[in-house]
Amino acid sequence: MKRFLAYGLAALALAAPIALAELETAPLTIESANGAHAFTVEVADEPEEIRTGLMHRESMAPDAGMIFDLGEPREAAMWMKNTLIPLDMLFMDPAGKVIAIARNTVPGSLRTVSPGVPVKAVLELNGGRAAELGIEPGDTVISSVFGNADE
């Protein structure tokens, strides 16, 4: 039992830096009817980064988030497994237009969250933040992911 526990802890220690490695961050702005809202988001664009997402995070700054760049538009199937905080998920088309918002998704839920149509990217913000800022479908996300940001 002690040997198994030692190997398990060693494996966990080796895996932890990978799981907690910092992702590239980038500025992102959401243009809505009541103004522009600036964020600094982590960019998940590799398969492992997309799979891990915001799992195991205990908090996130109000002006932070994570954008999942799916590459070519595809149907997104998001879930909240191992996610500790409620999130708003914004689904965008290739031009950065918000086509759907899943609000206050439930931490730990295994329910699949999807808009039912192909999307280019998904933006996760703190749960309730989209409503607080008046962000709605039809708004535009300005980001290098969509090629509509000043570099």
N, C-alpha and C. Protein backbone atom coordinates (compact mmCIF):
# COMPACT_ATOMS: atom_id res chain seq x y z
N MET A 1 0.83 -1.19 0.00
CA MET A 1 0.00 0.00 0.00
C MET A 1 0.87 1.26 0.00
N LYS A 2 1.95 1.25 0.83
CA LYS A 2 2.81 2.42 0.89
C LYS A 2 3.48 2.67 -0.46
N ARG A 3 3.90 1.58 -1.13
CA ARG A 3 4.55 1.74 -2.43
C ARG A 3 3.56 2.34 -3.43
N PHE A 4 2.32 1.85 -3.43
CA PHE A 4 1.30 2.37 -4.34
C PHE A 4 1.05 3.85 -4.06
N LEU A 5 0.95 4.20 -2.78
CA LEU A 5 0.73 5.59 -2.40
C LEU A 5 1.90 6.47 -2.83
N ALA A 6 3.12 5.97 -2.65
CA ALA A 6 4.30 6.75 -3.04
C ALA A 6 4.33 6.97 -4.55
N TYR A 7 4.03 5.92 -5.34
CA TYR A 7 4.00 6.08 -6.79
C TYR A 7 2.89 7.03 -7.20
N GLY A 8 1.73 6.92 -6.55
CA GLY A 8 0.60 7.79 -6.87
C GLY A 8 0.92 9.25 -6.59
N LEU A 9 1.56 9.52 -5.45
CA LEU A 9 1.92 10.90 -5.11
C LEU A 9 3.00 11.43 -6.05
N ALA A 10 3.95 10.57 -6.43
CA ALA A 10 4.98 11.00 -7.37
C ALA A 10 4.37 11.34 -8.72
N ALA A 11 3.46 10.52 -9.19
CA ALA A 11 2.79 10.78 -10.47
C ALA A 11 2.00 12.08 -10.40
N LEU A 12 1.31 12.30 -9.28
CA LEU A 12 0.54 13.52 -9.11
C LEU A 12 1.47 14.74 -9.10
N ALA A 13 2.59 14.64 -8.42
CA ALA A 13 3.54 15.75 -8.36
C ALA A 13 4.09 16.08 -9.74
N LEU A 14 4.36 15.06 -10.54
CA LEU A 14 4.87 15.29 -11.89
C LEU A 14 3.81 15.87 -12.80
N ALA A 15 2.55 15.45 -12.62
CA ALA A 15 1.47 15.91 -13.48
C ALA A 15 1.00 17.33 -13.11
N ALA A 16 1.15 17.72 -11.87
CA ALA A 16 0.64 19.01 -11.41
C ALA A 16 1.19 20.19 -12.20
N PRO A 17 2.50 20.27 -12.47
CA PRO A 17 2.99 21.42 -13.23
C PRO A 17 2.38 21.51 -14.62
N ILE A 18 2.12 20.37 -15.24
CA ILE A 18 1.51 20.38 -16.56
C ILE A 18 0.09 20.92 -16.47
N ALA A 19 -0.67 20.44 -15.52
CA ALA A 19 -2.06 20.84 -15.38
C ALA A 19 -2.18 22.32 -15.00
N LEU A 20 -1.20 22.82 -14.23
CA LEU A 20 -1.29 24.18 -13.74
C LEU A 20 -0.43 25.16 -14.54
N ALA A 21 0.19 24.68 -15.62
CA ALA A 21 1.02 25.56 -16.45
C ALA A 21 0.19 26.74 -16.95
N GLU A 22 0.82 27.90 -16.97
CA GLU A 22 0.10 29.09 -17.43
C GLU A 22 -0.02 29.08 -18.94
N LEU A 23 -1.18 29.45 -19.40
CA LEU A 23 -1.43 29.56 -20.83
C LEU A 23 -1.09 30.96 -21.29
N GLU A 24 -0.92 31.11 -22.59
CA GLU A 24 -0.74 32.43 -23.18
C GLU A 24 -1.96 33.28 -22.83
N THR A 25 -1.74 34.55 -22.53
CA THR A 25 -2.87 35.45 -22.29
C THR A 25 -2.92 36.49 -23.40
N ALA A 26 -4.11 37.02 -23.60
CA ALA A 26 -4.30 38.01 -24.66
C ALA A 26 -5.44 38.94 -24.27
N PRO A 27 -5.40 40.18 -24.75
CA PRO A 27 -6.52 41.09 -24.52
C PRO A 27 -7.72 40.67 -25.37
N LEU A 28 -8.89 40.95 -24.87
CA LEU A 28 -10.14 40.64 -25.57
C LEU A 28 -11.15 41.69 -25.17
N THR A 29 -11.93 42.15 -26.12
CA THR A 29 -12.97 43.15 -25.85
C THR A 29 -14.29 42.63 -26.37
N ILE A 30 -15.34 42.83 -25.59
CA ILE A 30 -16.69 42.50 -26.04
C ILE A 30 -17.42 43.81 -26.27
N GLU A 31 -17.86 44.03 -27.50
CA GLU A 31 -18.62 45.23 -27.85
C GLU A 31 -20.10 44.90 -27.72
N SER A 32 -20.76 45.57 -26.78
CA SER A 32 -22.19 45.35 -26.55
C SER A 32 -22.94 46.66 -26.69
N ALA A 33 -24.24 46.60 -26.57
CA ALA A 33 -25.08 47.79 -26.73
C ALA A 33 -24.73 48.88 -25.72
N ASN A 34 -24.19 48.50 -24.55
CA ASN A 34 -23.88 49.50 -23.53
C ASN A 34 -22.38 49.78 -23.42
N GLY A 35 -21.61 49.46 -24.45
CA GLY A 35 -20.20 49.82 -24.45
C GLY A 35 -19.27 48.65 -24.66
N ALA A 36 -17.99 48.95 -24.55
CA ALA A 36 -16.94 47.94 -24.74
C ALA A 36 -16.48 47.45 -23.37
N HIS A 37 -16.28 46.15 -23.26
CA HIS A 37 -15.88 45.52 -22.00
C HIS A 37 -14.56 44.79 -22.24
N ALA A 38 -13.50 45.22 -21.53
CA ALA A 38 -12.16 44.68 -21.73
C ALA A 38 -11.86 43.55 -20.75
N PHE A 39 -11.21 42.51 -21.26
CA PHE A 39 -10.79 41.36 -20.48
C PHE A 39 -9.37 40.99 -20.86
N THR A 40 -8.71 40.27 -19.99
CA THR A 40 -7.45 39.58 -20.30
C THR A 40 -7.76 38.11 -20.14
N VAL A 41 -7.64 37.36 -21.23
CA VAL A 41 -8.06 35.96 -21.20
C VAL A 41 -6.91 35.03 -21.51
N GLU A 42 -6.99 33.84 -20.97
CA GLU A 42 -6.07 32.77 -21.33
C GLU A 42 -6.58 32.18 -22.64
N VAL A 43 -5.65 31.79 -23.50
CA VAL A 43 -6.00 31.23 -24.80
C VAL A 43 -5.73 29.73 -24.80
N ALA A 44 -6.79 28.95 -24.92
CA ALA A 44 -6.68 27.49 -25.02
C ALA A 44 -6.89 27.12 -26.48
N ASP A 45 -5.79 26.68 -27.12
CA ASP A 45 -5.91 26.34 -28.54
C ASP A 45 -5.26 25.00 -28.88
N GLU A 46 -4.74 24.32 -27.88
CA GLU A 46 -4.19 22.97 -28.06
C GLU A 46 -5.17 21.97 -27.44
N PRO A 47 -5.24 20.75 -27.98
CA PRO A 47 -6.22 19.77 -27.46
C PRO A 47 -6.21 19.59 -25.95
N GLU A 48 -5.03 19.48 -25.33
CA GLU A 48 -4.96 19.28 -23.88
C GLU A 48 -5.45 20.52 -23.13
N GLU A 49 -5.12 21.71 -23.64
CA GLU A 49 -5.58 22.95 -23.02
C GLU A 49 -7.10 23.05 -23.10
N ILE A 50 -7.64 22.67 -24.23
CA ILE A 50 -9.10 22.72 -24.42
C ILE A 50 -9.78 21.72 -23.50
N ARG A 51 -9.21 20.52 -23.36
CA ARG A 51 -9.79 19.50 -22.47
C ARG A 51 -9.77 19.95 -21.01
N THR A 52 -8.69 20.60 -20.59
CA THR A 52 -8.53 20.99 -19.19
C THR A 52 -9.31 22.26 -18.85
N GLY A 53 -9.29 23.24 -19.72
CA GLY A 53 -10.04 24.47 -19.50
C GLY A 53 -9.78 25.08 -18.14
N LEU A 54 -10.84 25.45 -17.46
CA LEU A 54 -10.73 26.11 -16.14
C LEU A 54 -10.95 25.14 -14.98
N MET A 55 -10.71 23.86 -15.23
CA MET A 55 -10.86 22.87 -14.16
C MET A 55 -9.97 23.22 -12.97
N HIS A 56 -10.46 22.93 -11.78
CA HIS A 56 -9.73 23.03 -10.52
C HIS A 56 -9.41 24.46 -10.09
N ARG A 57 -9.94 25.45 -10.76
CA ARG A 57 -9.72 26.85 -10.36
C ARG A 57 -10.72 27.19 -9.27
N GLU A 58 -10.24 27.82 -8.22
CA GLU A 58 -11.13 28.20 -7.12
C GLU A 58 -11.72 29.59 -7.29
N SER A 59 -11.11 30.40 -8.15
CA SER A 59 -11.61 31.75 -8.39
C SER A 59 -11.01 32.27 -9.70
N MET A 60 -11.57 33.39 -10.15
CA MET A 60 -11.06 34.04 -11.35
C MET A 60 -11.36 35.53 -11.21
N ALA A 61 -10.43 36.37 -11.61
CA ALA A 61 -10.61 37.82 -11.53
C ALA A 61 -11.81 38.23 -12.38
N PRO A 62 -12.50 39.32 -12.02
CA PRO A 62 -13.68 39.76 -12.77
C PRO A 62 -13.40 40.09 -14.23
N ASP A 63 -12.18 40.54 -14.53
CA ASP A 63 -11.84 40.91 -15.91
C ASP A 63 -11.01 39.83 -16.61
N ALA A 64 -11.11 38.60 -16.11
CA ALA A 64 -10.37 37.47 -16.68
C ALA A 64 -11.34 36.49 -17.33
N GLY A 65 -10.78 35.54 -18.05
CA GLY A 65 -11.58 34.49 -18.68
C GLY A 65 -10.67 33.57 -19.45
N MET A 66 -11.28 32.68 -20.22
CA MET A 66 -10.54 31.78 -21.08
C MET A 66 -11.29 31.66 -22.39
N ILE A 67 -10.54 31.80 -23.50
CA ILE A 67 -11.15 31.61 -24.82
C ILE A 67 -10.60 30.31 -25.40
N PHE A 68 -11.51 29.50 -25.89
CA PHE A 68 -11.18 28.23 -26.53
C PHE A 68 -11.25 28.45 -28.03
N ASP A 69 -10.09 28.42 -28.69
CA ASP A 69 -10.04 28.56 -30.14
C ASP A 69 -10.15 27.16 -30.73
N LEU A 70 -11.29 26.88 -31.34
CA LEU A 70 -11.55 25.54 -31.88
C LEU A 70 -11.01 25.35 -33.29
N GLY A 71 -10.36 26.37 -33.83
CA GLY A 71 -9.85 26.28 -35.20
C GLY A 71 -11.00 26.44 -36.18
N GLU A 72 -11.18 25.45 -37.02
CA GLU A 72 -12.32 25.47 -37.95
C GLU A 72 -13.61 25.35 -37.15
N PRO A 73 -14.67 26.04 -37.58
CA PRO A 73 -15.94 25.93 -36.85
C PRO A 73 -16.39 24.48 -36.71
N ARG A 74 -16.81 24.16 -35.50
CA ARG A 74 -17.31 22.81 -35.19
C ARG A 74 -18.30 22.92 -34.05
N GLU A 75 -19.06 21.88 -33.87
CA GLU A 75 -20.01 21.87 -32.76
C GLU A 75 -19.23 21.71 -31.45
N ALA A 76 -19.41 22.63 -30.55
CA ALA A 76 -18.71 22.60 -29.26
C ALA A 76 -19.55 21.84 -28.25
N ALA A 77 -18.90 20.98 -27.50
CA ALA A 77 -19.57 20.24 -26.42
C ALA A 77 -18.77 20.50 -25.15
N MET A 78 -19.20 21.46 -24.37
CA MET A 78 -18.50 21.86 -23.15
C MET A 78 -19.17 21.18 -21.95
N TRP A 79 -18.41 21.04 -20.86
CA TRP A 79 -18.98 20.53 -19.62
C TRP A 79 -18.24 21.17 -18.45
N MET A 80 -18.73 20.91 -17.25
CA MET A 80 -18.19 21.56 -16.06
C MET A 80 -17.48 20.57 -15.12
N LYS A 81 -17.11 19.41 -15.64
CA LYS A 81 -16.42 18.41 -14.82
C LYS A 81 -15.20 19.05 -14.17
N ASN A 82 -15.04 18.85 -12.88
CA ASN A 82 -13.92 19.36 -12.10
C ASN A 82 -13.79 20.89 -12.14
N THR A 83 -14.82 21.57 -12.55
CA THR A 83 -14.82 23.04 -12.55
C THR A 83 -15.51 23.49 -11.27
N LEU A 84 -14.84 24.33 -10.52
CA LEU A 84 -15.30 24.68 -9.17
C LEU A 84 -16.11 25.97 -9.10
N ILE A 85 -16.07 26.77 -10.17
CA ILE A 85 -16.78 28.05 -10.15
C ILE A 85 -17.83 28.09 -11.26
N PRO A 86 -18.96 28.76 -11.03
CA PRO A 86 -19.95 28.89 -12.11
C PRO A 86 -19.38 29.76 -13.23
N LEU A 87 -19.73 29.42 -14.45
CA LEU A 87 -19.22 30.14 -15.61
C LEU A 87 -20.34 30.54 -16.56
N ASP A 88 -20.14 31.64 -17.26
CA ASP A 88 -20.94 31.98 -18.43
C ASP A 88 -20.12 31.52 -19.64
N MET A 89 -20.76 30.81 -20.56
CA MET A 89 -20.09 30.36 -21.78
C MET A 89 -20.70 31.08 -22.96
N LEU A 90 -19.86 31.84 -23.67
CA LEU A 90 -20.29 32.57 -24.85
C LEU A 90 -19.78 31.83 -26.08
N PHE A 91 -20.66 31.53 -27.01
CA PHE A 91 -20.32 30.78 -28.22
C PHE A 91 -20.30 31.76 -29.38
N MET A 92 -19.17 31.77 -30.15
CA MET A 92 -19.00 32.75 -31.22
C MET A 92 -18.79 32.11 -32.58
N ASP A 93 -19.27 32.82 -33.60
CA ASP A 93 -19.05 32.39 -34.99
C ASP A 93 -17.67 32.86 -35.45
N PRO A 94 -17.24 32.54 -36.67
CA PRO A 94 -15.89 32.92 -37.13
C PRO A 94 -15.61 34.42 -37.16
N ALA A 95 -16.63 35.26 -37.18
CA ALA A 95 -16.43 36.71 -37.17
C ALA A 95 -16.38 37.28 -35.75
N GLY A 96 -16.60 36.44 -34.73
CA GLY A 96 -16.60 36.91 -33.35
C GLY A 96 -17.97 37.30 -32.83
N LYS A 97 -19.00 37.07 -33.62
CA LYS A 97 -20.37 37.39 -33.18
C LYS A 97 -20.84 36.35 -32.17
N VAL A 98 -21.35 36.81 -31.03
CA VAL A 98 -21.89 35.92 -30.01
C VAL A 98 -23.21 35.36 -30.54
N ILE A 99 -23.28 34.03 -30.67
CA ILE A 99 -24.51 33.42 -31.18
C ILE A 99 -25.35 32.78 -30.08
N ALA A 100 -24.72 32.50 -28.94
CA ALA A 100 -25.47 31.91 -27.82
C ALA A 100 -24.67 32.12 -26.53
N ILE A 101 -25.39 32.16 -25.41
CA ILE A 101 -24.76 32.28 -24.09
C ILE A 101 -25.40 31.26 -23.16
N ALA A 102 -24.58 30.43 -22.54
CA ALA A 102 -25.03 29.54 -21.46
C ALA A 102 -24.64 30.26 -20.17
N ARG A 103 -25.63 30.67 -19.41
CA ARG A 103 -25.38 31.51 -18.23
C ARG A 103 -25.32 30.69 -16.95
N ASN A 104 -24.36 31.05 -16.09
CA ASN A 104 -24.23 30.43 -14.76
C ASN A 104 -24.26 28.91 -14.82
N THR A 105 -23.39 28.33 -15.63
CA THR A 105 -23.33 26.87 -15.70
C THR A 105 -22.95 26.31 -14.33
N VAL A 106 -23.42 25.12 -14.04
CA VAL A 106 -23.33 24.53 -12.71
C VAL A 106 -21.98 23.85 -12.49
N PRO A 107 -21.22 24.30 -11.46
CA PRO A 107 -19.94 23.67 -11.18
C PRO A 107 -20.09 22.15 -11.00
N GLY A 108 -19.15 21.40 -11.58
CA GLY A 108 -19.12 19.95 -11.44
C GLY A 108 -20.09 19.18 -12.32
N SER A 109 -20.97 19.87 -13.03
CA SER A 109 -21.99 19.19 -13.83
C SER A 109 -21.35 18.45 -15.01
N LEU A 110 -21.87 17.27 -15.31
CA LEU A 110 -21.42 16.50 -16.46
C LEU A 110 -22.35 16.72 -17.66
N ARG A 111 -23.35 17.58 -17.50
CA ARG A 111 -24.27 17.90 -18.59
C ARG A 111 -23.51 18.63 -19.70
N THR A 112 -23.72 18.22 -20.93
CA THR A 112 -23.07 18.86 -22.07
C THR A 112 -23.76 20.19 -22.37
N VAL A 113 -22.94 21.22 -22.57
CA VAL A 113 -23.43 22.55 -22.91
C VAL A 113 -22.99 22.84 -24.34
N SER A 114 -23.96 23.09 -25.22
CA SER A 114 -23.67 23.32 -26.63
C SER A 114 -24.75 24.20 -27.23
N PRO A 115 -24.38 25.07 -28.19
CA PRO A 115 -25.42 25.87 -28.85
C PRO A 115 -26.15 25.08 -29.95
N GLY A 116 -25.64 23.90 -30.29
CA GLY A 116 -26.29 23.08 -31.31
C GLY A 116 -25.92 23.45 -32.74
N VAL A 117 -24.99 24.37 -32.91
CA VAL A 117 -24.50 24.76 -34.23
C VAL A 117 -22.98 24.89 -34.16
N PRO A 118 -22.28 24.79 -35.29
CA PRO A 118 -20.83 24.95 -35.27
C PRO A 118 -20.42 26.35 -34.82
N VAL A 119 -19.33 26.41 -34.05
CA VAL A 119 -18.78 27.69 -33.59
C VAL A 119 -17.27 27.70 -33.78
N LYS A 120 -16.70 28.87 -33.86
CA LYS A 120 -15.25 29.03 -33.98
C LYS A 120 -14.57 29.03 -32.61
N ALA A 121 -15.27 29.57 -31.60
CA ALA A 121 -14.65 29.72 -30.29
C ALA A 121 -15.71 29.77 -29.19
N VAL A 122 -15.25 29.50 -27.97
CA VAL A 122 -16.08 29.60 -26.78
C VAL A 122 -15.30 30.45 -25.77
N LEU A 123 -15.98 31.42 -25.18
CA LEU A 123 -15.38 32.27 -24.16
C LEU A 123 -16.04 31.98 -22.83
N GLU A 124 -15.22 31.67 -21.82
CA GLU A 124 -15.74 31.44 -20.48
C GLU A 124 -15.38 32.62 -19.59
N LEU A 125 -16.42 33.16 -18.95
CA LEU A 125 -16.29 34.26 -17.99
C LEU A 125 -16.88 33.80 -16.66
N ASN A 126 -16.63 34.54 -15.60
CA ASN A 126 -17.27 34.24 -14.33
C ASN A 126 -18.78 34.21 -14.50
N GLY A 127 -19.43 33.27 -13.83
CA GLY A 127 -20.88 33.16 -13.90
C GLY A 127 -21.56 34.45 -13.48
N GLY A 128 -22.51 34.91 -14.29
CA GLY A 128 -23.24 36.13 -14.01
C GLY A 128 -22.62 37.38 -14.61
N ARG A 129 -21.39 37.27 -15.08
CA ARG A 129 -20.69 38.44 -15.61
C ARG A 129 -21.34 38.97 -16.89
N ALA A 130 -21.80 38.07 -17.77
CA ALA A 130 -22.44 38.52 -19.02
C ALA A 130 -23.69 39.35 -18.70
N ALA A 131 -24.52 38.88 -17.79
CA ALA A 131 -25.72 39.63 -17.41
C ALA A 131 -25.35 40.96 -16.76
N GLU A 132 -24.37 40.93 -15.88
CA GLU A 132 -23.92 42.14 -15.18
C GLU A 132 -23.48 43.22 -16.17
N LEU A 133 -22.83 42.82 -17.25
CA LEU A 133 -22.32 43.77 -18.24
C LEU A 133 -23.28 44.00 -19.40
N GLY A 134 -24.41 43.31 -19.41
CA GLY A 134 -25.39 43.47 -20.49
C GLY A 134 -24.95 42.82 -21.79
N ILE A 135 -24.13 41.79 -21.71
CA ILE A 135 -23.66 41.09 -22.91
C ILE A 135 -24.75 40.14 -23.38
N GLU A 136 -25.06 40.21 -24.68
CA GLU A 136 -26.16 39.43 -25.25
C GLU A 136 -25.75 38.81 -26.59
N PRO A 137 -26.47 37.78 -27.05
CA PRO A 137 -26.24 37.29 -28.40
C PRO A 137 -26.37 38.44 -29.39
N GLY A 138 -25.50 38.44 -30.39
CA GLY A 138 -25.45 39.53 -31.36
C GLY A 138 -24.30 40.48 -31.09
N ASP A 139 -23.77 40.50 -29.84
CA ASP A 139 -22.61 41.32 -29.53
C ASP A 139 -21.38 40.74 -30.23
N THR A 140 -20.32 41.53 -30.31
CA THR A 140 -19.11 41.11 -31.02
C THR A 140 -17.93 41.01 -30.07
N VAL A 141 -17.18 39.92 -30.19
CA VAL A 141 -15.96 39.72 -29.44
C VAL A 141 -14.78 40.09 -30.34
N ILE A 142 -13.95 41.01 -29.86
CA ILE A 142 -12.77 41.46 -30.60
C ILE A 142 -11.57 40.72 -30.00
N SER A 143 -10.93 39.91 -30.83
CA SER A 143 -9.82 39.08 -30.37
C SER A 143 -8.98 38.63 -31.56
N SER A 144 -7.70 38.37 -31.30
CA SER A 144 -6.83 37.83 -32.35
C SER A 144 -7.34 36.48 -32.85
N VAL A 145 -8.11 35.78 -32.04
CA VAL A 145 -8.69 34.49 -32.45
C VAL A 145 -9.53 34.67 -33.71
N PHE A 146 -10.18 35.83 -33.84
CA PHE A 146 -11.07 36.09 -34.98
C PHE A 146 -10.41 36.96 -36.05
N GLY A 147 -9.18 37.41 -35.78
CA GLY A 147 -8.49 38.28 -36.73
C GLY A 147 -9.09 39.66 -36.82
N ASN A 148 -9.86 40.08 -35.82
CA ASN A 148 -10.50 41.40 -35.84
C ASN A 148 -9.92 42.35 -34.79
N ALA A 149 -8.77 41.98 -34.22
CA ALA A 149 -8.14 42.83 -33.20
C ALA A 149 -6.92 43.53 -33.78
N ASP A 150 -6.65 44.73 -33.30
CA ASP A 150 -5.43 45.42 -33.69
C ASP A 150 -4.26 44.69 -33.04
N GLU A 151 -3.30 44.33 -33.81
CA GLU A 151 -2.14 43.59 -33.27
C GLU A 151 -1.09 44.52 -32.75
